[in-house]
């Protein structure tokens, strides 16, 4: 009984860590998407065409 409770506690802690990691990854991804969207809007406002932006992106990769 004690062993089962201990195992459940460990599993709950592992799950909590995984959920925290997922939450951080999700937040980081949203920040990255927002930054890319902002950069794209700025590039378009400056006058770059979509083709120019695609060319620059292929060079950066």
PDB file of N, CA and C in Angstrom:
ATOM      1  N   UNK A   1       0.827  -1.197   0.000  1.00  0.00           N
ATOM      2  CA  UNK A   1       0.000   0.000   0.000  1.00  0.00           C
ATOM      3  C   UNK A   1       0.873   1.264   0.000  1.00  0.00           C
ATOM      4  N   UNK A   2       1.881   1.294   0.885  1.00  0.00           N
ATOM      5  CA  UNK A   2       2.789   2.443   0.959  1.00  0.00           C
ATOM      6  C   UNK A   2       3.538   2.617  -0.365  1.00  0.00           C
ATOM      7  N   UNK A   3       3.990   1.490  -0.918  1.00  0.00           N
ATOM      8  CA  UNK A   3       4.727   1.523  -2.171  1.00  0.00           C
ATOM      9  C   UNK A   3       3.856   2.067  -3.306  1.00  0.00           C
ATOM     10  N   UNK A   4       2.610   1.661  -3.347  1.00  0.00           N
ATOM     11  CA  UNK A   4       1.688   2.131  -4.386  1.00  0.00           C
ATOM     12  C   UNK A   4       1.456   3.633  -4.254  1.00  0.00           C
ATOM     13  N   UNK A   5       1.306   4.112  -3.027  1.00  0.00           N
ATOM     14  CA  UNK A   5       1.121   5.551  -2.808  1.00  0.00           C
ATOM     15  C   UNK A   5       2.360   6.336  -3.228  1.00  0.00           C
ATOM     16  N   UNK A   6       3.522   5.785  -2.893  1.00  0.00           N
ATOM     17  CA  UNK A   6       4.775   6.429  -3.275  1.00  0.00           C
ATOM     18  C   UNK A   6       4.902   6.507  -4.797  1.00  0.00           C
ATOM     19  N   UNK A   7       4.583   5.405  -5.477  1.00  0.00           N
ATOM     20  CA  UNK A   7       4.657   5.379  -6.942  1.00  0.00           C
ATOM     21  C   UNK A   7       3.692   6.388  -7.556  1.00  0.00           C
ATOM     22  N   UNK A   8       2.507   6.485  -7.001  1.00  0.00           N
ATOM     23  CA  UNK A   8       1.527   7.450  -7.520  1.00  0.00           C
ATOM     24  C   UNK A   8       2.016   8.879  -7.321  1.00  0.00           C
ATOM     25  N   UNK A   9       2.633   9.129  -6.168  1.00  0.00           N
ATOM     26  CA  UNK A   9       3.160  10.460  -5.887  1.00  0.00           C
ATOM     27  C   UNK A   9       4.263  10.814  -6.889  1.00  0.00           C
ATOM     28  N   UNK A  10       5.151   9.858  -7.158  1.00  0.00           N
ATOM     29  CA  UNK A  10       6.229  10.069  -8.123  1.00  0.00           C
ATOM     30  C   UNK A  10       5.646  10.309  -9.514  1.00  0.00           C
ATOM     31  N   UNK A  11       4.655   9.524  -9.901  1.00  0.00           N
ATOM     32  CA  UNK A  11       4.016   9.701 -11.208  1.00  0.00           C
ATOM     33  C   UNK A  11       3.355  11.069 -11.310  1.00  0.00           C
ATOM     34  N   UNK A  12       2.715  11.497 -10.238  1.00  0.00           N
ATOM     35  CA  UNK A  12       2.060  12.807 -10.234  1.00  0.00           C
ATOM     36  C   UNK A  12       3.091  13.917 -10.389  1.00  0.00           C
ATOM     37  N   UNK A  13       4.239  13.781  -9.731  1.00  0.00           N
ATOM     38  CA  UNK A  13       5.303  14.777  -9.853  1.00  0.00           C
ATOM     39  C   UNK A  13       5.869  14.804 -11.268  1.00  0.00           C
ATOM     40  N   UNK A  14       6.064  13.632 -11.853  1.00  0.00           N
ATOM     41  CA  UNK A  14       6.564  13.554 -13.227  1.00  0.00           C
ATOM     42  C   UNK A  14       5.575  14.188 -14.196  1.00  0.00           C
ATOM     43  N   UNK A  15       4.301  13.901 -13.999  1.00  0.00           N
ATOM     44  CA  UNK A  15       3.272  14.482 -14.855  1.00  0.00           C
ATOM     45  C   UNK A  15       3.248  15.999 -14.715  1.00  0.00           C
ATOM     46  N   UNK A  16       3.387  16.480 -13.499  1.00  0.00           N
ATOM     47  CA  UNK A  16       3.406  17.925 -13.268  1.00  0.00           C
ATOM     48  C   UNK A  16       4.594  18.571 -13.972  1.00  0.00           C
ATOM     49  N   UNK A  17       5.764  17.927 -13.911  1.00  0.00           N
ATOM     50  CA  UNK A  17       6.943  18.447 -14.619  1.00  0.00           C
ATOM     51  C   UNK A  17       6.715  18.459 -16.127  1.00  0.00           C
ATOM     52  N   UNK A  18       6.125  17.387 -16.648  1.00  0.00           N
ATOM     53  CA  UNK A  18       5.845  17.329 -18.085  1.00  0.00           C
ATOM     54  C   UNK A  18       4.869  18.428 -18.503  1.00  0.00           C
ATOM     55  N   UNK A  19       3.849  18.644 -17.697  1.00  0.00           N
ATOM     56  CA  UNK A  19       2.887  19.702 -18.004  1.00  0.00           C
ATOM     57  C   UNK A  19       3.541  21.078 -17.949  1.00  0.00           C
ATOM     58  N   UNK A  20       4.419  21.292 -16.974  1.00  0.00           N
ATOM     59  CA  UNK A  20       5.153  22.558 -16.893  1.00  0.00           C
ATOM     60  C   UNK A  20       6.031  22.749 -18.124  1.00  0.00           C
ATOM     61  N   UNK A  21       6.751  21.687 -18.517  1.00  0.00           N
ATOM     62  CA  UNK A  21       7.604  21.758 -19.708  1.00  0.00           C
ATOM     63  C   UNK A  21       6.779  22.065 -20.948  1.00  0.00           C
ATOM     64  N   UNK A  22       5.629  21.400 -21.070  1.00  0.00           N
ATOM     65  CA  UNK A  22       4.756  21.640 -22.214  1.00  0.00           C
ATOM     66  C   UNK A  22       4.268  23.084 -22.207  1.00  0.00           C
ATOM     67  N   UNK A  23       3.878  23.568 -21.041  1.00  0.00           N
ATOM     68  CA  UNK A  23       3.409  24.949 -20.929  1.00  0.00           C
ATOM     69  C   UNK A  23       4.480  25.942 -21.331  1.00  0.00           C
ATOM     70  N   UNK A  24       5.714  25.705 -20.899  1.00  0.00           N
ATOM     71  CA  UNK A  24       6.816  26.589 -21.271  1.00  0.00           C
ATOM     72  C   UNK A  24       7.090  26.526 -22.769  1.00  0.00           C
ATOM     73  N   UNK A  25       7.085  25.325 -23.334  1.00  0.00           N
ATOM     74  CA  UNK A  25       7.309  25.176 -24.775  1.00  0.00           C
ATOM     75  C   UNK A  25       6.206  25.872 -25.562  1.00  0.00           C
ATOM     76  N   UNK A  26       4.978  25.744 -25.107  1.00  0.00           N
ATOM     77  CA  UNK A  26       3.839  26.383 -25.765  1.00  0.00           C
ATOM     78  C   UNK A  26       3.981  27.901 -25.716  1.00  0.00           C
ATOM     79  N   UNK A  27       4.336  28.427 -24.551  1.00  0.00           N
ATOM     80  CA  UNK A  27       4.527  29.871 -24.397  1.00  0.00           C
ATOM     81  C   UNK A  27       5.659  30.366 -25.291  1.00  0.00           C
ATOM     82  N   UNK A  28       6.775  29.635 -25.308  1.00  0.00           N
ATOM     83  CA  UNK A  28       7.904  30.022 -26.160  1.00  0.00           C
ATOM     84  C   UNK A  28       7.509  30.020 -27.629  1.00  0.00           C
ATOM     85  N   UNK A  29       6.743  29.022 -28.035  1.00  0.00           N
ATOM     86  CA  UNK A  29       6.291  28.947 -29.421  1.00  0.00           C
ATOM     87  C   UNK A  29       5.389  30.127 -29.765  1.00  0.00           C
ATOM     88  N   UNK A  30       4.479  30.478 -28.866  1.00  0.00           N
ATOM     89  CA  UNK A  30       3.608  31.626 -29.112  1.00  0.00           C
ATOM     90  C   UNK A  30       4.409  32.915 -29.224  1.00  0.00           C
ATOM     91  N   UNK A  31       5.427  33.085 -28.368  1.00  0.00           N
ATOM     92  CA  UNK A  31       6.285  34.271 -28.453  1.00  0.00           C
ATOM     93  C   UNK A  31       7.017  34.319 -29.791  1.00  0.00           C
ATOM     94  N   UNK A  32       7.497  33.162 -30.229  1.00  0.00           N
ATOM     95  CA  UNK A  32       8.224  33.088 -31.513  1.00  0.00           C
ATOM     96  C   UNK A  32       7.290  33.425 -32.678  1.00  0.00           C
ATOM     97  N   UNK A  33       6.076  32.882 -32.648  1.00  0.00           N
ATOM     98  CA  UNK A  33       5.099  33.175 -33.703  1.00  0.00           C
ATOM     99  C   UNK A  33       4.774  34.662 -33.721  1.00  0.00           C
ATOM    100  N   UNK A  34       4.578  35.253 -32.546  1.00  0.00           N
ATOM    101  CA  UNK A  34       4.284  36.683 -32.476  1.00  0.00           C
ATOM    102  C   UNK A  34       5.439  37.516 -33.016  1.00  0.00           C
ATOM    103  N   UNK A  35       6.672  37.127 -32.679  1.00  0.00           N
ATOM    104  CA  UNK A  35       7.843  37.854 -33.171  1.00  0.00           C
ATOM    105  C   UNK A  35       7.946  37.747 -34.687  1.00  0.00           C
ATOM    106  N   UNK A  36       7.739  36.543 -35.222  1.00  0.00           N
ATOM    107  CA  UNK A  36       7.798  36.366 -36.677  1.00  0.00           C
ATOM    108  C   UNK A  36       6.700  37.153 -37.377  1.00  0.00           C
ATOM    109  N   UNK A  37       5.505  37.147 -36.810  1.00  0.00           N
ATOM    110  CA  UNK A  37       4.393  37.899 -37.396  1.00  0.00           C
ATOM    111  C   UNK A  37       4.691  39.386 -37.386  1.00  0.00           C
ATOM    112  N   UNK A  38       5.253  39.859 -36.292  1.00  0.00           N
ATOM    113  CA  UNK A  38       5.608  41.271 -36.175  1.00  0.00           C
ATOM    114  C   UNK A  38       6.681  41.640 -37.197  1.00  0.00           C
ATOM    115  N   UNK A  39       7.690  40.777 -37.334  1.00  0.00           N
ATOM    116  CA  UNK A  39       8.748  41.029 -38.315  1.00  0.00           C
ATOM    117  C   UNK A  39       8.187  41.051 -39.733  1.00  0.00           C
ATOM    118  N   UNK A  40       7.259  40.153 -40.022  1.00  0.00           N
ATOM    119  CA  UNK A  40       6.654  40.104 -41.352  1.00  0.00           C
ATOM    120  C   UNK A  40       5.848  41.367 -41.623  1.00  0.00           C
ATOM    121  N   UNK A  41       5.065  41.808 -40.636  1.00  0.00           N
ATOM    122  CA  UNK A  41       4.292  43.049 -40.798  1.00  0.00           C
ATOM    123  C   UNK A  41       5.220  44.234 -41.033  1.00  0.00           C
ATOM    124  N   UNK A  42       6.305  44.296 -40.261  1.00  0.00           N
ATOM    125  CA  UNK A  42       7.266  45.389 -40.410  1.00  0.00           C
ATOM    126  C   UNK A  42       7.893  45.366 -41.796  1.00  0.00           C
ATOM    127  N   UNK A  43       8.279  44.189 -42.256  1.00  0.00           N
ATOM    128  CA  UNK A  43       8.894  44.069 -43.581  1.00  0.00           C
ATOM    129  C   UNK A  43       7.927  44.519 -44.667  1.00  0.00           C
ATOM    130  N   UNK A  44       6.664  44.176 -44.524  1.00  0.00           N
ATOM    131  CA  UNK A  44       5.674  44.588 -45.524  1.00  0.00           C
ATOM    132  C   UNK A  44       5.458  46.096 -45.488  1.00  0.00           C
ATOM    133  N   UNK A  45       5.455  46.673 -44.283  1.00  0.00           N
ATOM    134  CA  UNK A  45       5.280  48.121 -44.162  1.00  0.00           C
ATOM    135  C   UNK A  45       6.454  48.874 -44.779  1.00  0.00           C
ATOM    136  N   UNK A  46       7.646  48.291 -44.670  1.00  0.00           N
ATOM    137  CA  UNK A  46       8.830  48.929 -45.246  1.00  0.00           C
ATOM    138  C   UNK A  46       8.778  48.859 -46.766  1.00  0.00           C
ATOM    139  N   UNK A  47       8.057  47.893 -47.298  1.00  0.00           N
ATOM    140  CA  UNK A  47       7.912  47.805 -48.742  1.00  0.00           C
ATOM    141  C   UNK A  47       8.444  46.532 -49.362  1.00  0.00           C
ATOM    142  N   UNK A  48       8.898  45.613 -48.538  1.00  0.00           N
ATOM    143  CA  UNK A  48       9.347  44.339 -49.084  1.00  0.00           C
ATOM    144  C   UNK A  48       8.145  43.548 -49.584  1.00  0.00           C
ATOM    145  N   UNK A  49       8.322  42.882 -50.703  1.00  0.00           N
ATOM    146  CA  UNK A  49       7.260  42.016 -51.212  1.00  0.00           C
ATOM    147  C   UNK A  49       7.364  40.650 -50.535  1.00  0.00           C
ATOM    148  N   UNK A  50       6.321  39.868 -50.687  1.00  0.00           N
ATOM    149  CA  UNK A  50       6.338  38.514 -50.130  1.00  0.00           C
ATOM    150  C   UNK A  50       7.494  37.719 -50.719  1.00  0.00           C
ATOM    151  N   UNK A  51       7.751  37.903 -52.002  1.00  0.00           N
ATOM    152  CA  UNK A  51       8.849  37.179 -52.672  1.00  0.00           C
ATOM    153  C   UNK A  51      10.195  37.588 -52.082  1.00  0.00           C
ATOM    154  N   UNK A  52      10.387  38.892 -51.825  1.00  0.00           N
ATOM    155  CA  UNK A  52      11.628  39.355 -51.195  1.00  0.00           C
ATOM    156  C   UNK A  52      11.825  38.693 -49.838  1.00  0.00           C
ATOM    157  N   UNK A  53      10.752  38.650 -49.074  1.00  0.00           N
ATOM    158  CA  UNK A  53      10.816  38.068 -47.732  1.00  0.00           C
ATOM    159  C   UNK A  53      11.138  36.580 -47.815  1.00  0.00           C
ATOM    160  N   UNK A  54      10.516  35.872 -48.765  1.00  0.00           N
ATOM    161  CA  UNK A  54      10.797  34.442 -48.937  1.00  0.00           C
ATOM    162  C   UNK A  54      12.252  34.218 -49.331  1.00  0.00           C
ATOM    163  N   UNK A  55      12.782  35.087 -50.212  1.00  0.00           N
ATOM    164  CA  UNK A  55      14.184  34.969 -50.616  1.00  0.00           C
ATOM    165  C   UNK A  55      15.116  35.160 -49.422  1.00  0.00           C
ATOM    166  N   UNK A  56      14.818  36.163 -48.609  1.00  0.00           N
ATOM    167  CA  UNK A  56      15.642  36.421 -47.425  1.00  0.00           C
ATOM    168  C   UNK A  56      15.562  35.242 -46.458  1.00  0.00           C
ATOM    169  N   UNK A  57      14.355  34.702 -46.274  1.00  0.00           N
ATOM    170  CA  UNK A  57      14.185  33.573 -45.357  1.00  0.00           C
ATOM    171  C   UNK A  57      14.963  32.352 -45.833  1.00  0.00           C
ATOM    172  N   UNK A  58      14.986  32.120 -47.149  1.00  0.00           N
ATOM    173  CA  UNK A  58      15.715  30.954 -47.660  1.00  0.00           C
ATOM    174  C   UNK A  58      17.219  31.133 -47.475  1.00  0.00           C
ATOM    175  N   UNK A  59      17.693  32.370 -47.549  1.00  0.00           N
ATOM    176  CA  UNK A  59      19.117  32.632 -47.315  1.00  0.00           C
ATOM    177  C   UNK A  59      19.458  32.420 -45.845  1.00  0.00           C
ATOM    178  N   UNK A  60      18.581  32.881 -44.959  1.00  0.00           N
ATOM    179  CA  UNK A  60      18.819  32.768 -43.518  1.00  0.00           C
ATOM    180  C   UNK A  60      18.845  31.314 -43.077  1.00  0.00           C
ATOM    181  N   UNK A  61      17.988  30.483 -43.680  1.00  0.00           N
ATOM    182  CA  UNK A  61      17.944  29.065 -43.311  1.00  0.00           C
ATOM    183  C   UNK A  61      19.270  28.445 -43.628  1.00  0.00           C
TER     184      UNK A  61
END
